[in-house]
Amino acid sequence: MRRSTTLALSVRCPLTGHFGLAFVSTDPPGQAVSFQTNALAGQCLQIASPQAELNRRTLALMAKHLTPEEALQEVLSQIPEPAQRQILALATDGRTAGHTGERVKAAARHGWTGHLCDDNRAVIALGLPKRETAEHALHLLKTNDFKAALLSDRLMETLGALEDSLSGPGLPLTCAGLQIVGEDPYPLLDLRVDMHARPITRLSEIYEDYMAEDIREDALLPTPEHPHGIPPTGWGETKRFAIRKFREARRQWKKRQFKK
């Protein structure tokens, strides 16, 4: 295994049931991380030479009411080299489980490799400069529960707080991504940056631009009861307008600070 670094954050919002994933890596996204989300089962992701089929098999077992730990044990028992796999599972009830093979740890001697799990949130990493970075990420995901109203905000704030500790000589991060999935089969939000010198900074800029232009209230989206969506009137539209203006003002302020 060549020298590489990847950090992935997997989170479930207990209020909305949405699943969120954020990652940053020195490798291209296809090589860095493989993930899949099923609203009826949960979220499963891999780093370190990921195989998408293992995600699907794990989620299929979780959909049959196996716990993440039980599902991972069964899947790993059926493959020839579980010691070469690094996988994380998060269920719809908030339970988490992870596996980091010994051969993965042995190959990634340039940094800390492993996973940390807690209710509704987990962190998995390959070749981090130090374990404390992963511990700090998990702590931020806990403490940001009530500070950030949106799951996407929570994940972006966590990545932003970790950027300095993840950047530096010998650690050329090139890609970052953010995805939010709800009950629908398609993502509510799916943003990614490839081949950039500061991928977290660039992802944050894209996220702010997106949110400034495309803030949506759940009530405005189509539902089985309202196929065409509820008209954007009343307090919902006022709140949407206020959030958009606030984000736009903050974005313009950041641009002025950068020019100084």
Protein backbone atom coordinates (compact mmCIF):
# COMPACT_ATOMS: atom_id res chain seq x y z
CA MET A 1 0.00 0.00 0.00
CA ARG A 2 1.43 3.38 -1.00
CA ARG A 3 1.57 6.26 1.42
CA SER A 4 -1.90 7.81 1.63
CA THR A 5 -4.18 9.52 4.12
CA THR A 6 -7.97 9.45 4.33
CA LEU A 7 -10.42 10.64 6.97
CA ALA A 8 -14.16 9.92 6.73
CA LEU A 9 -16.98 11.05 9.05
CA SER A 10 -20.29 9.18 9.20
CA VAL A 11 -23.18 10.81 11.07
CA ARG A 12 -26.91 10.25 11.57
CA CYS A 13 -29.22 13.03 12.70
CA PRO A 14 -31.56 11.61 15.39
CA LEU A 15 -34.14 14.34 14.70
CA THR A 16 -34.53 13.96 10.94
CA GLY A 17 -33.09 10.47 10.42
CA HIS A 18 -30.83 11.83 7.67
CA PHE A 19 -27.40 10.33 7.11
CA GLY A 20 -24.35 12.45 6.44
CA LEU A 21 -20.90 11.63 5.13
CA ALA A 22 -17.85 13.86 4.79
CA PHE A 23 -14.37 12.84 3.73
CA VAL A 24 -10.97 14.24 2.81
CA SER A 25 -8.10 12.32 1.25
CA THR A 26 -4.79 12.38 -0.56
CA ASP A 27 -6.22 9.86 -3.07
CA PRO A 28 -8.84 10.27 -5.80
CA PRO A 29 -12.38 9.68 -4.44
CA GLY A 30 -12.81 6.36 -6.24
CA GLN A 31 -9.72 4.99 -4.54
CA ALA A 32 -10.11 6.81 -1.23
CA VAL A 33 -13.62 5.90 -0.11
CA SER A 34 -16.61 3.80 -1.13
CA PHE A 35 -19.96 4.37 0.56
CA GLN A 36 -23.63 3.54 0.26
CA THR A 37 -26.71 4.64 2.18
CA ASN A 38 -30.04 2.86 2.55
CA ALA A 39 -32.82 4.70 4.39
CA LEU A 40 -34.19 1.35 5.66
CA ALA A 41 -30.85 -0.01 6.86
CA GLY A 42 -28.26 2.71 7.42
CA GLN A 43 -24.93 3.77 6.00
CA CYS A 44 -21.83 1.73 5.22
CA LEU A 45 -18.46 2.98 4.00
CA GLN A 46 -14.96 1.71 3.37
CA ILE A 47 -11.49 3.17 2.92
CA ALA A 48 -8.17 1.41 2.20
CA SER A 49 -8.79 -0.31 -1.16
CA PRO A 50 -12.60 -0.29 -0.81
CA GLN A 51 -14.94 -2.79 -2.45
CA ALA A 52 -18.47 -1.49 -3.06
CA GLU A 53 -19.95 -4.99 -2.93
CA LEU A 54 -19.10 -5.29 0.78
CA ASN A 55 -21.15 -2.15 1.47
CA ARG A 56 -24.18 -3.58 -0.29
CA ARG A 57 -23.92 -6.92 1.50
CA THR A 58 -23.54 -5.24 4.90
CA LEU A 59 -26.58 -3.02 4.33
CA ALA A 60 -28.64 -5.99 3.13
CA LEU A 61 -27.94 -7.79 6.40
CA MET A 62 -28.71 -4.67 8.44
CA ALA A 63 -32.02 -4.37 6.59
CA LYS A 64 -32.82 -7.82 8.01
CA HIS A 65 -32.51 -6.32 11.52
CA LEU A 66 -28.96 -7.44 12.22
CA THR A 67 -26.93 -4.99 14.26
CA PRO A 68 -23.98 -3.30 12.52
CA GLU A 69 -21.57 -5.47 14.52
CA GLU A 70 -23.39 -8.68 13.58
CA ALA A 71 -23.62 -7.66 9.91
CA LEU A 72 -19.91 -6.85 9.72
CA GLN A 73 -18.95 -10.09 11.42
CA GLU A 74 -20.96 -12.12 8.92
CA VAL A 75 -19.67 -10.24 5.88
CA LEU A 76 -16.04 -10.38 6.99
CA SER A 77 -16.31 -14.10 7.73
CA GLN A 78 -17.21 -14.71 4.08
CA ILE A 79 -14.28 -12.90 2.42
CA PRO A 80 -10.75 -14.29 2.00
CA GLU A 81 -8.74 -11.38 3.46
CA PRO A 82 -10.61 -9.50 6.20
CA ALA A 83 -7.27 -8.26 7.54
CA GLN A 84 -6.99 -6.10 4.40
CA ARG A 85 -10.34 -4.39 4.91
CA GLN A 86 -11.37 -1.22 6.71
CA ILE A 87 -15.13 -0.76 6.98
CA LEU A 88 -17.65 1.20 9.04
CA ALA A 89 -21.41 0.72 9.50
CA LEU A 90 -24.06 3.05 10.98
CA ALA A 91 -27.61 1.78 11.49
CA THR A 92 -30.94 3.63 11.45
CA ASP A 93 -31.19 3.26 15.24
CA GLY A 94 -27.85 5.03 15.69
CA ARG A 95 -25.75 1.99 16.55
CA THR A 96 -22.30 1.87 14.95
CA ALA A 97 -19.56 -0.69 14.38
CA GLY A 98 -16.25 -0.75 12.56
CA HIS A 99 -13.44 -3.03 11.49
CA THR A 100 -9.81 -2.16 10.75
CA GLY A 101 -7.73 -5.11 9.60
CA GLU A 102 -4.28 -5.75 11.01
CA ARG A 103 -2.67 -5.77 7.57
CA VAL A 104 -4.11 -2.32 6.89
CA LYS A 105 -2.57 -1.02 10.12
CA ALA A 106 0.76 -2.67 9.37
CA ALA A 107 0.92 -1.19 5.85
CA ALA A 108 0.01 2.36 6.96
CA ARG A 109 3.02 2.89 9.23
CA HIS A 110 3.23 6.58 8.37
CA GLY A 111 0.34 7.46 10.71
CA TRP A 112 -2.60 6.34 12.83
CA THR A 113 -5.10 3.98 11.21
CA GLY A 114 -8.32 2.86 12.84
CA HIS A 115 -11.91 3.78 13.68
CA LEU A 116 -13.80 5.41 16.56
CA CYS A 117 -17.50 4.76 17.12
CA ASP A 118 -20.22 6.42 19.17
CA ASP A 119 -24.02 6.58 18.98
CA ASN A 120 -25.13 8.24 15.74
CA ARG A 121 -21.57 9.11 14.70
CA ALA A 122 -18.30 7.44 13.80
CA VAL A 123 -14.88 8.28 12.37
CA ILE A 124 -12.63 6.08 10.27
CA ALA A 125 -9.10 6.99 9.20
CA LEU A 126 -6.10 5.76 7.26
CA GLY A 127 -2.63 7.18 7.88
CA LEU A 128 -3.63 10.22 9.95
CA PRO A 129 -0.73 12.25 11.39
CA LYS A 130 -1.98 11.36 14.88
CA ARG A 131 -4.89 9.64 16.64
CA GLU A 132 -5.84 12.86 18.41
CA THR A 133 -7.11 14.25 15.10
CA ALA A 134 -9.73 11.47 14.86
CA GLU A 135 -10.64 11.90 18.53
CA HIS A 136 -11.05 15.64 18.00
CA ALA A 137 -13.30 15.00 14.97
CA LEU A 138 -15.56 12.71 17.01
CA HIS A 139 -15.68 15.26 19.83
CA LEU A 140 -16.65 18.03 17.40
CA LEU A 141 -19.45 15.94 15.95
CA LYS A 142 -20.81 15.54 19.48
CA THR A 143 -20.52 19.15 20.57
CA ASN A 144 -21.89 20.53 17.30
CA ASP A 145 -25.20 18.68 17.73
CA PHE A 146 -27.00 21.82 18.88
CA LYS A 147 -24.70 24.52 17.52
CA ALA A 148 -25.33 23.62 13.87
CA ALA A 149 -28.95 23.47 12.80
CA LEU A 150 -28.25 21.46 9.64
CA LEU A 151 -26.41 18.16 9.42
CA SER A 152 -24.44 19.49 6.47
CA ASP A 153 -23.37 22.55 8.50
CA ARG A 154 -22.20 20.28 11.29
CA LEU A 155 -20.04 18.21 8.95
CA MET A 156 -18.57 21.23 7.17
CA GLU A 157 -17.74 22.94 10.46
CA THR A 158 -15.98 19.77 11.63
CA LEU A 159 -13.93 19.47 8.43
CA GLY A 160 -13.03 23.16 8.64
CA ALA A 161 -11.84 22.83 12.22
CA LEU A 162 -9.60 19.92 11.22
CA GLU A 163 -8.10 21.50 8.11
CA ASP A 164 -4.96 22.89 9.76
CA SER A 165 -4.13 19.58 11.45
CA LEU A 166 -4.69 17.73 8.16
CA SER A 167 -2.57 20.08 6.03
CA GLY A 168 1.15 20.43 5.87
CA PRO A 169 4.34 19.26 4.17
CA GLY A 170 4.22 15.64 3.13
CA LEU A 171 0.42 15.50 3.35
CA PRO A 172 -0.89 16.62 -0.05
CA LEU A 173 -4.65 16.43 0.38
CA THR A 174 -6.34 16.56 -3.02
CA CYS A 175 -10.04 15.72 -2.62
CA ALA A 176 -12.95 16.23 -0.24
CA GLY A 177 -16.64 15.46 -0.35
CA LEU A 178 -19.95 15.94 1.43
CA GLN A 179 -23.20 13.99 1.04
CA ILE A 180 -26.55 14.08 2.86
CA VAL A 181 -29.15 11.35 2.28
CA GLY A 182 -32.73 11.22 3.58
CA GLU A 183 -35.61 8.90 2.80
CA ASP A 184 -35.34 9.40 -0.96
CA PRO A 185 -33.09 7.15 -3.07
CA TYR A 186 -31.13 10.18 -4.29
CA PRO A 187 -28.94 12.44 -2.12
CA LEU A 188 -30.37 15.67 -0.75
CA LEU A 189 -26.88 17.16 -1.09
CA ASP A 190 -23.85 15.79 -2.92
CA LEU A 191 -20.75 17.99 -3.33
CA ARG A 192 -17.19 17.00 -4.15
CA VAL A 193 -13.81 18.59 -4.88
CA ASP A 194 -11.12 16.76 -6.86
CA MET A 195 -7.47 17.64 -7.47
CA HIS A 196 -7.24 20.84 -5.44
CA ALA A 197 -4.39 22.12 -3.26
CA ARG A 198 -6.80 22.96 -0.41
CA PRO A 199 -9.85 20.74 -0.95
CA ILE A 200 -11.56 21.50 2.38
CA THR A 201 -11.39 25.25 1.79
CA ARG A 202 -12.70 24.85 -1.74
CA LEU A 203 -15.48 22.50 -0.61
CA SER A 204 -16.52 25.05 2.01
CA GLU A 205 -16.70 27.78 -0.64
CA ILE A 206 -18.81 25.61 -2.94
CA TYR A 207 -21.06 24.67 -0.04
CA GLU A 208 -21.62 28.30 0.92
CA ASP A 209 -22.40 29.22 -2.69
CA TYR A 210 -24.83 26.33 -2.99
CA MET A 211 -26.62 27.13 0.26
CA ALA A 212 -26.84 30.83 -0.57
CA GLU A 213 -28.59 30.07 -3.85
CA ASP A 214 -30.50 26.90 -3.09
CA ILE A 215 -31.76 26.92 0.52
CA ARG A 216 -34.83 24.65 0.71
CA GLU A 217 -37.42 24.22 3.39
CA ASP A 218 -38.81 20.69 3.67
CA ALA A 219 -42.32 22.13 3.44
CA LEU A 220 -41.54 23.55 -0.01
CA LEU A 221 -40.59 20.17 -1.48
CA PRO A 222 -43.07 17.75 -3.08
CA THR A 223 -44.65 15.18 -0.75
CA PRO A 224 -47.27 12.44 -1.25
CA GLU A 225 -49.85 14.78 0.29
CA HIS A 226 -48.68 17.81 -1.75
CA PRO A 227 -47.28 16.56 -5.08
CA HIS A 228 -46.50 20.08 -6.27
CA GLY A 229 -45.12 21.29 -2.97
CA ILE A 230 -46.57 23.84 -0.61
CA PRO A 231 -46.47 27.38 -2.07
CA PRO A 232 -43.53 29.39 -0.64
CA THR A 233 -45.52 31.78 1.51
CA GLY A 234 -45.63 32.75 5.18
CA TRP A 235 -42.93 32.21 7.76
CA GLY A 236 -41.18 29.44 5.83
CA GLU A 237 -40.38 31.72 2.90
CA THR A 238 -39.36 34.56 5.21
CA LYS A 239 -36.94 32.26 7.03
CA ARG A 240 -35.58 30.97 3.73
CA PHE A 241 -34.98 34.52 2.51
CA ALA A 242 -33.28 35.53 5.77
CA ILE A 243 -30.93 32.52 5.75
CA ARG A 244 -30.00 33.15 2.11
CA LYS A 245 -29.22 36.82 2.78
CA PHE A 246 -27.16 35.97 5.87
CA ARG A 247 -25.08 33.42 3.97
CA GLU A 248 -24.55 35.80 1.08
CA ALA A 249 -23.41 38.57 3.44
CA ARG A 250 -21.00 36.21 5.17
CA ARG A 251 -19.62 35.03 1.83
CA GLN A 252 -18.99 38.61 0.68
CA TRP A 253 -17.29 39.41 4.00
CA LYS A 254 -14.96 36.43 3.60
CA LYS A 255 -14.02 37.60 0.11
CA ARG A 256 -13.15 41.08 1.40
CA GLN A 257 -11.04 39.60 4.22
CA PHE A 258 -9.18 37.40 1.73
CA LYS A 259 -8.35 40.40 -0.49
CA LYS A 260 -6.81 42.21 2.50
